[in-house]
Amino acid sequence: MVISQTNTPNTREIGSHAENCALKYLLEQGLKLIKRNYHCKCGEIDLIMADNKIIVFVEVRYRKNTHYGSGAETIDFRKQKKLLASATHFLQNKRMLDRFCRFDVISVCQEQAINNQTENFQINWIPNAFQA
């Protein structure tokens, strides 16, 4: 992980590191990366993966701790709606409307902090976390 000049990672750096960990985990589970950080007018999708012939849209959520709930619990109806619109845009743009797809959530929680740096993450993968 690249650390900012203050040696204390900022929110963007921690989020990027959590996303890297989530990607590594999914690759180890046999999924293949299609696109990372897909942006369109509707929003952003963190990871777009392939699980055999299924297109998997993955939202990665990081929490320093779970005192106020997991990262997955922060994905409300409005966020689901944005993810669905962004996924539809991707599928239309790539002419993949005939493909099966699902929406997964990776909730990443920091297990412990050593010298204010993220060292170990606990990963909770929720396949098919919500329906389109």
N, C-alpha and C. Protein backbone atom coordinates (compact mmCIF):
# COMPACT_ATOMS: atom_id res chain seq x y z
N MET A 1 0.85 -1.17 0.00
CA MET A 1 0.00 0.00 0.00
C MET A 1 0.89 1.23 0.00
N VAL A 2 0.57 2.19 -0.85
CA VAL A 2 1.28 3.45 -0.89
C VAL A 2 0.74 4.33 0.22
N ILE A 3 1.61 4.84 1.06
CA ILE A 3 1.22 5.66 2.20
C ILE A 3 1.48 7.12 1.87
N SER A 4 0.58 7.99 2.29
CA SER A 4 0.78 9.42 2.06
C SER A 4 2.02 9.90 2.81
N GLN A 5 2.45 11.11 2.49
CA GLN A 5 3.70 11.63 3.06
C GLN A 5 3.63 11.78 4.58
N THR A 6 2.46 11.85 5.15
CA THR A 6 2.35 11.98 6.60
C THR A 6 2.48 10.63 7.31
N ASN A 7 2.64 9.55 6.56
CA ASN A 7 2.74 8.19 7.08
C ASN A 7 1.45 7.70 7.73
N THR A 8 0.40 8.48 7.65
CA THR A 8 -0.91 8.06 8.10
C THR A 8 -1.79 7.94 6.86
N PRO A 9 -2.26 6.74 6.54
CA PRO A 9 -3.05 6.58 5.33
C PRO A 9 -4.34 7.39 5.40
N ASN A 10 -4.68 8.04 4.28
CA ASN A 10 -5.94 8.77 4.24
C ASN A 10 -7.06 7.83 3.80
N THR A 11 -8.26 8.34 3.81
CA THR A 11 -9.44 7.52 3.51
C THR A 11 -9.34 6.88 2.13
N ARG A 12 -8.90 7.64 1.15
CA ARG A 12 -8.80 7.11 -0.22
C ARG A 12 -7.78 5.97 -0.28
N GLU A 13 -6.64 6.13 0.38
CA GLU A 13 -5.61 5.09 0.38
C GLU A 13 -6.10 3.82 1.06
N ILE A 14 -6.79 3.99 2.18
CA ILE A 14 -7.32 2.82 2.89
C ILE A 14 -8.37 2.12 2.04
N GLY A 15 -9.26 2.92 1.42
CA GLY A 15 -10.28 2.34 0.55
C GLY A 15 -9.69 1.60 -0.63
N SER A 16 -8.65 2.17 -1.21
CA SER A 16 -7.98 1.52 -2.34
C SER A 16 -7.32 0.22 -1.90
N HIS A 17 -6.71 0.24 -0.72
CA HIS A 17 -6.08 -0.98 -0.20
C HIS A 17 -7.13 -2.05 0.09
N ALA A 18 -8.25 -1.65 0.66
CA ALA A 18 -9.34 -2.60 0.94
C ALA A 18 -9.86 -3.19 -0.37
N GLU A 19 -9.99 -2.35 -1.40
CA GLU A 19 -10.45 -2.83 -2.70
C GLU A 19 -9.44 -3.81 -3.31
N ASN A 20 -8.15 -3.51 -3.15
CA ASN A 20 -7.11 -4.43 -3.64
C ASN A 20 -7.21 -5.78 -2.94
N CYS A 21 -7.43 -5.76 -1.63
CA CYS A 21 -7.58 -7.01 -0.86
C CYS A 21 -8.81 -7.78 -1.32
N ALA A 22 -9.91 -7.07 -1.56
CA ALA A 22 -11.13 -7.72 -2.03
C ALA A 22 -10.91 -8.35 -3.40
N LEU A 23 -10.24 -7.62 -4.29
CA LEU A 23 -9.95 -8.15 -5.62
C LEU A 23 -9.09 -9.40 -5.53
N LYS A 24 -8.05 -9.35 -4.74
CA LYS A 24 -7.17 -10.51 -4.56
C LYS A 24 -7.96 -11.71 -4.05
N TYR A 25 -8.83 -11.46 -3.08
CA TYR A 25 -9.65 -12.53 -2.50
C TYR A 25 -10.55 -13.16 -3.57
N LEU A 26 -11.22 -12.33 -4.37
CA LEU A 26 -12.12 -12.85 -5.39
C LEU A 26 -11.35 -13.62 -6.47
N LEU A 27 -10.18 -13.13 -6.84
CA LEU A 27 -9.36 -13.85 -7.81
C LEU A 27 -8.97 -15.23 -7.26
N GLU A 28 -8.66 -15.28 -5.96
CA GLU A 28 -8.33 -16.56 -5.33
C GLU A 28 -9.52 -17.50 -5.30
N GLN A 29 -10.74 -16.95 -5.34
CA GLN A 29 -11.95 -17.78 -5.35
C GLN A 29 -12.31 -18.24 -6.77
N GLY A 30 -11.52 -17.82 -7.76
CA GLY A 30 -11.73 -18.27 -9.13
C GLY A 30 -12.46 -17.29 -10.03
N LEU A 31 -12.83 -16.12 -9.54
CA LEU A 31 -13.46 -15.13 -10.39
C LEU A 31 -12.40 -14.44 -11.24
N LYS A 32 -12.82 -13.86 -12.35
CA LYS A 32 -11.90 -13.17 -13.25
C LYS A 32 -12.31 -11.71 -13.35
N LEU A 33 -11.31 -10.84 -13.34
CA LEU A 33 -11.57 -9.41 -13.41
C LEU A 33 -11.93 -9.00 -14.83
N ILE A 34 -13.04 -8.27 -14.96
CA ILE A 34 -13.44 -7.68 -16.23
C ILE A 34 -13.07 -6.20 -16.24
N LYS A 35 -13.47 -5.49 -15.18
CA LYS A 35 -13.24 -4.04 -15.12
C LYS A 35 -13.20 -3.61 -13.67
N ARG A 36 -12.34 -2.65 -13.41
CA ARG A 36 -12.21 -2.09 -12.06
C ARG A 36 -12.62 -0.62 -12.10
N ASN A 37 -13.36 -0.17 -11.10
CA ASN A 37 -13.80 1.22 -10.99
C ASN A 37 -14.47 1.72 -12.27
N TYR A 38 -15.56 1.05 -12.63
CA TYR A 38 -16.34 1.45 -13.80
C TYR A 38 -17.16 2.69 -13.45
N HIS A 39 -16.92 3.78 -14.18
CA HIS A 39 -17.63 5.03 -13.96
C HIS A 39 -18.56 5.32 -15.12
N CYS A 40 -19.75 5.80 -14.80
CA CYS A 40 -20.67 6.30 -15.81
C CYS A 40 -21.52 7.39 -15.16
N LYS A 41 -22.44 7.97 -15.91
CA LYS A 41 -23.25 9.06 -15.37
C LYS A 41 -24.13 8.60 -14.20
N CYS A 42 -24.39 7.32 -14.10
CA CYS A 42 -25.26 6.78 -13.04
C CYS A 42 -24.52 6.54 -11.73
N GLY A 43 -23.21 6.37 -11.80
CA GLY A 43 -22.45 6.08 -10.60
C GLY A 43 -21.19 5.28 -10.90
N GLU A 44 -20.74 4.52 -9.93
CA GLU A 44 -19.51 3.74 -10.07
C GLU A 44 -19.73 2.33 -9.53
N ILE A 45 -19.07 1.39 -10.18
CA ILE A 45 -19.05 0.02 -9.68
C ILE A 45 -17.59 -0.31 -9.38
N ASP A 46 -17.34 -0.78 -8.16
CA ASP A 46 -15.96 -1.01 -7.73
C ASP A 46 -15.27 -2.08 -8.57
N LEU A 47 -15.90 -3.24 -8.67
CA LEU A 47 -15.31 -4.36 -9.41
C LEU A 47 -16.38 -5.02 -10.27
N ILE A 48 -16.02 -5.34 -11.49
CA ILE A 48 -16.88 -6.14 -12.34
C ILE A 48 -16.09 -7.40 -12.66
N MET A 49 -16.66 -8.54 -12.27
CA MET A 49 -15.95 -9.81 -12.35
C MET A 49 -16.78 -10.80 -13.19
N ALA A 50 -16.15 -11.89 -13.56
CA ALA A 50 -16.85 -12.99 -14.22
C ALA A 50 -16.71 -14.22 -13.33
N ASP A 51 -17.85 -14.84 -13.05
CA ASP A 51 -17.89 -16.10 -12.32
C ASP A 51 -18.48 -17.11 -13.29
N ASN A 52 -17.58 -17.79 -14.00
CA ASN A 52 -17.96 -18.60 -15.16
C ASN A 52 -18.65 -17.69 -16.16
N LYS A 53 -19.92 -17.91 -16.48
CA LYS A 53 -20.60 -17.08 -17.47
C LYS A 53 -21.45 -15.98 -16.84
N ILE A 54 -21.38 -15.85 -15.53
CA ILE A 54 -22.16 -14.84 -14.82
C ILE A 54 -21.32 -13.58 -14.64
N ILE A 55 -21.90 -12.42 -14.96
CA ILE A 55 -21.26 -11.13 -14.71
C ILE A 55 -21.58 -10.74 -13.27
N VAL A 56 -20.55 -10.44 -12.49
CA VAL A 56 -20.71 -10.14 -11.07
C VAL A 56 -20.31 -8.68 -10.83
N PHE A 57 -21.25 -7.89 -10.35
CA PHE A 57 -21.00 -6.51 -9.99
C PHE A 57 -20.76 -6.47 -8.49
N VAL A 58 -19.57 -5.99 -8.10
CA VAL A 58 -19.15 -6.07 -6.71
C VAL A 58 -19.01 -4.67 -6.10
N GLU A 59 -19.68 -4.48 -4.99
CA GLU A 59 -19.52 -3.26 -4.19
C GLU A 59 -18.63 -3.61 -3.00
N VAL A 60 -17.54 -2.87 -2.84
CA VAL A 60 -16.61 -3.10 -1.74
C VAL A 60 -16.85 -2.02 -0.69
N ARG A 61 -17.07 -2.44 0.54
CA ARG A 61 -17.31 -1.51 1.64
C ARG A 61 -16.31 -1.77 2.76
N TYR A 62 -15.64 -0.72 3.19
CA TYR A 62 -14.65 -0.82 4.26
C TYR A 62 -15.20 -0.20 5.53
N ARG A 63 -14.92 -0.84 6.65
CA ARG A 63 -15.22 -0.31 7.98
C ARG A 63 -14.00 -0.54 8.86
N LYS A 64 -13.64 0.48 9.60
CA LYS A 64 -12.52 0.33 10.53
C LYS A 64 -12.88 -0.67 11.63
N ASN A 65 -14.13 -0.62 12.08
CA ASN A 65 -14.64 -1.59 13.04
C ASN A 65 -16.12 -1.77 12.79
N THR A 66 -16.71 -2.74 13.44
CA THR A 66 -18.13 -3.04 13.21
C THR A 66 -19.02 -2.58 14.36
N HIS A 67 -18.55 -1.63 15.15
CA HIS A 67 -19.37 -1.13 16.27
C HIS A 67 -20.72 -0.59 15.80
N TYR A 68 -20.75 -0.01 14.62
CA TYR A 68 -21.99 0.57 14.10
C TYR A 68 -22.52 -0.20 12.90
N GLY A 69 -22.13 -1.46 12.79
CA GLY A 69 -22.61 -2.30 11.70
C GLY A 69 -21.51 -2.57 10.68
N SER A 70 -21.77 -3.54 9.85
CA SER A 70 -20.80 -3.91 8.81
C SER A 70 -20.92 -2.98 7.62
N GLY A 71 -19.94 -3.05 6.75
CA GLY A 71 -19.99 -2.27 5.52
C GLY A 71 -21.18 -2.64 4.66
N ALA A 72 -21.52 -3.92 4.66
CA ALA A 72 -22.65 -4.38 3.86
C ALA A 72 -23.96 -3.73 4.29
N GLU A 73 -24.08 -3.44 5.56
CA GLU A 73 -25.31 -2.84 6.08
C GLU A 73 -25.48 -1.39 5.65
N THR A 74 -24.44 -0.80 5.06
CA THR A 74 -24.54 0.59 4.61
C THR A 74 -25.09 0.72 3.19
N ILE A 75 -25.34 -0.40 2.55
CA ILE A 75 -25.85 -0.36 1.17
C ILE A 75 -27.38 -0.33 1.22
N ASP A 76 -27.90 0.88 1.16
CA ASP A 76 -29.35 1.07 1.25
C ASP A 76 -30.00 1.00 -0.13
N PHE A 77 -31.30 1.23 -0.16
CA PHE A 77 -32.05 1.15 -1.41
C PHE A 77 -31.52 2.12 -2.45
N ARG A 78 -31.14 3.33 -2.03
CA ARG A 78 -30.62 4.33 -2.98
C ARG A 78 -29.33 3.85 -3.62
N LYS A 79 -28.43 3.26 -2.84
CA LYS A 79 -27.17 2.76 -3.38
C LYS A 79 -27.43 1.57 -4.31
N GLN A 80 -28.35 0.70 -3.93
CA GLN A 80 -28.71 -0.43 -4.79
C GLN A 80 -29.23 0.06 -6.13
N LYS A 81 -30.05 1.11 -6.09
CA LYS A 81 -30.61 1.68 -7.32
C LYS A 81 -29.50 2.24 -8.22
N LYS A 82 -28.51 2.92 -7.63
CA LYS A 82 -27.38 3.43 -8.40
C LYS A 82 -26.56 2.30 -9.01
N LEU A 83 -26.32 1.25 -8.21
CA LEU A 83 -25.57 0.11 -8.71
C LEU A 83 -26.30 -0.57 -9.87
N LEU A 84 -27.59 -0.72 -9.73
CA LEU A 84 -28.39 -1.33 -10.80
C LEU A 84 -28.33 -0.49 -12.08
N ALA A 85 -28.46 0.84 -11.95
CA ALA A 85 -28.39 1.72 -13.11
C ALA A 85 -27.01 1.66 -13.77
N SER A 86 -25.96 1.66 -12.96
CA SER A 86 -24.59 1.58 -13.49
C SER A 86 -24.34 0.23 -14.17
N ALA A 87 -24.84 -0.83 -13.57
CA ALA A 87 -24.69 -2.17 -14.16
C ALA A 87 -25.42 -2.25 -15.50
N THR A 88 -26.62 -1.69 -15.54
CA THR A 88 -27.39 -1.68 -16.79
C THR A 88 -26.63 -0.91 -17.87
N HIS A 89 -26.07 0.23 -17.49
CA HIS A 89 -25.27 1.03 -18.43
C HIS A 89 -24.10 0.21 -18.97
N PHE A 90 -23.40 -0.49 -18.08
CA PHE A 90 -22.26 -1.32 -18.49
C PHE A 90 -22.72 -2.41 -19.46
N LEU A 91 -23.78 -3.12 -19.10
CA LEU A 91 -24.26 -4.22 -19.94
C LEU A 91 -24.72 -3.72 -21.31
N GLN A 92 -25.39 -2.57 -21.35
CA GLN A 92 -25.81 -2.00 -22.63
C GLN A 92 -24.60 -1.57 -23.46
N ASN A 93 -23.65 -0.91 -22.81
CA ASN A 93 -22.46 -0.41 -23.49
C ASN A 93 -21.63 -1.54 -24.08
N LYS A 94 -21.55 -2.66 -23.38
CA LYS A 94 -20.76 -3.81 -23.82
C LYS A 94 -21.58 -4.83 -24.61
N ARG A 95 -22.86 -4.49 -24.86
CA ARG A 95 -23.77 -5.38 -25.60
C ARG A 95 -23.83 -6.77 -24.96
N MET A 96 -24.05 -6.76 -23.65
CA MET A 96 -24.11 -8.00 -22.87
C MET A 96 -25.46 -8.15 -22.17
N LEU A 97 -26.50 -7.57 -22.70
CA LEU A 97 -27.79 -7.60 -22.03
C LEU A 97 -28.35 -9.01 -21.88
N ASP A 98 -27.84 -9.94 -22.65
CA ASP A 98 -28.35 -11.32 -22.58
C ASP A 98 -27.63 -12.15 -21.51
N ARG A 99 -26.65 -11.57 -20.82
CA ARG A 99 -25.87 -12.30 -19.83
C ARG A 99 -26.56 -12.28 -18.46
N PHE A 100 -26.43 -13.39 -17.74
CA PHE A 100 -26.88 -13.43 -16.35
C PHE A 100 -25.93 -12.59 -15.53
N CYS A 101 -26.47 -11.93 -14.50
CA CYS A 101 -25.60 -11.15 -13.63
C CYS A 101 -26.12 -11.22 -12.20
N ARG A 102 -25.24 -10.82 -11.28
CA ARG A 102 -25.63 -10.76 -9.88
C ARG A 102 -24.85 -9.62 -9.22
N PHE A 103 -25.33 -9.26 -8.03
CA PHE A 103 -24.71 -8.18 -7.26
C PHE A 103 -24.17 -8.75 -5.95
N ASP A 104 -22.85 -8.66 -5.80
CA ASP A 104 -22.19 -9.15 -4.60
C ASP A 104 -21.69 -7.96 -3.79
N VAL A 105 -21.50 -8.20 -2.51
CA VAL A 105 -20.92 -7.19 -1.63
C VAL A 105 -19.72 -7.83 -0.92
N ILE A 106 -18.64 -7.09 -0.87
CA ILE A 106 -17.49 -7.49 -0.06
C ILE A 106 -17.39 -6.46 1.06
N SER A 107 -17.56 -6.95 2.27
CA SER A 107 -17.43 -6.09 3.45
C SER A 107 -16.05 -6.35 4.04
N VAL A 108 -15.25 -5.28 4.10
CA VAL A 108 -13.88 -5.38 4.59
C VAL A 108 -13.80 -4.65 5.91
N CYS A 109 -13.28 -5.33 6.91
CA CYS A 109 -13.15 -4.73 8.24
C CYS A 109 -11.70 -4.85 8.68
N GLN A 110 -11.19 -3.81 9.27
CA GLN A 110 -9.82 -3.82 9.77
C GLN A 110 -9.76 -4.64 11.05
N GLU A 111 -8.96 -5.68 11.05
CA GLU A 111 -8.84 -6.53 12.24
C GLU A 111 -8.03 -5.86 13.33
N GLN A 112 -6.93 -5.22 12.95
CA GLN A 112 -6.13 -4.53 13.93
C GLN A 112 -5.30 -3.45 13.24
N ALA A 113 -4.98 -2.43 13.94
CA ALA A 113 -4.15 -1.37 13.39
C ALA A 113 -2.80 -1.42 14.08
N ILE A 114 -1.75 -1.38 13.29
CA ILE A 114 -0.40 -1.35 13.83
C ILE A 114 0.25 -0.07 13.32
N ASN A 115 0.60 0.82 14.22
CA ASN A 115 1.20 2.10 13.85
C ASN A 115 0.33 2.88 12.87
N ASN A 116 -0.98 2.84 13.07
CA ASN A 116 -1.95 3.55 12.24
C ASN A 116 -1.94 3.12 10.78
N GLN A 117 -1.42 1.95 10.48
CA GLN A 117 -1.43 1.45 9.12
C GLN A 117 -2.33 0.23 9.05
N THR A 118 -3.00 0.06 7.92
CA THR A 118 -3.84 -1.11 7.74
C THR A 118 -2.95 -2.31 7.47
N GLU A 119 -3.07 -3.32 8.27
CA GLU A 119 -2.24 -4.51 8.12
C GLU A 119 -3.08 -5.73 7.73
N ASN A 120 -4.07 -6.04 8.53
CA ASN A 120 -4.87 -7.24 8.30
C ASN A 120 -6.33 -6.85 8.12
N PHE A 121 -6.95 -7.43 7.12
CA PHE A 121 -8.36 -7.18 6.88
C PHE A 121 -9.14 -8.47 7.01
N GLN A 122 -10.31 -8.35 7.57
CA GLN A 122 -11.26 -9.46 7.60
C GLN A 122 -12.21 -9.22 6.43
N ILE A 123 -12.38 -10.22 5.59
CA ILE A 123 -13.20 -10.09 4.39
C ILE A 123 -14.44 -10.96 4.52
N ASN A 124 -15.59 -10.35 4.30
CA ASN A 124 -16.86 -11.07 4.31
C ASN A 124 -17.49 -10.88 2.92
N TRP A 125 -17.55 -11.97 2.16
CA TRP A 125 -18.09 -11.95 0.80
C TRP A 125 -19.55 -12.37 0.86
N ILE A 126 -20.42 -11.55 0.33
CA ILE A 126 -21.85 -11.86 0.30
C ILE A 126 -22.28 -11.96 -1.17
N PRO A 127 -22.24 -13.18 -1.72
CA PRO A 127 -22.69 -13.35 -3.11
C PRO A 127 -24.20 -13.11 -3.21
N ASN A 128 -24.61 -12.52 -4.32
CA ASN A 128 -26.03 -12.27 -4.58
C ASN A 128 -26.66 -11.52 -3.39
N ALA A 129 -26.01 -10.45 -2.97
CA ALA A 129 -26.40 -9.70 -1.78
C ALA A 129 -27.77 -9.04 -1.90
N PHE A 130 -28.13 -8.67 -3.13
CA PHE A 130 -29.47 -8.11 -3.35
C PHE A 130 -29.89 -8.42 -4.78
N GLN A 131 -31.18 -8.38 -4.99
CA GLN A 131 -31.75 -8.72 -6.30
C GLN A 131 -32.02 -7.47 -7.11
N ALA A 132 -31.83 -7.61 -8.41
CA ALA A 132 -32.11 -6.50 -9.32
C ALA A 132 -33.60 -6.40 -9.59
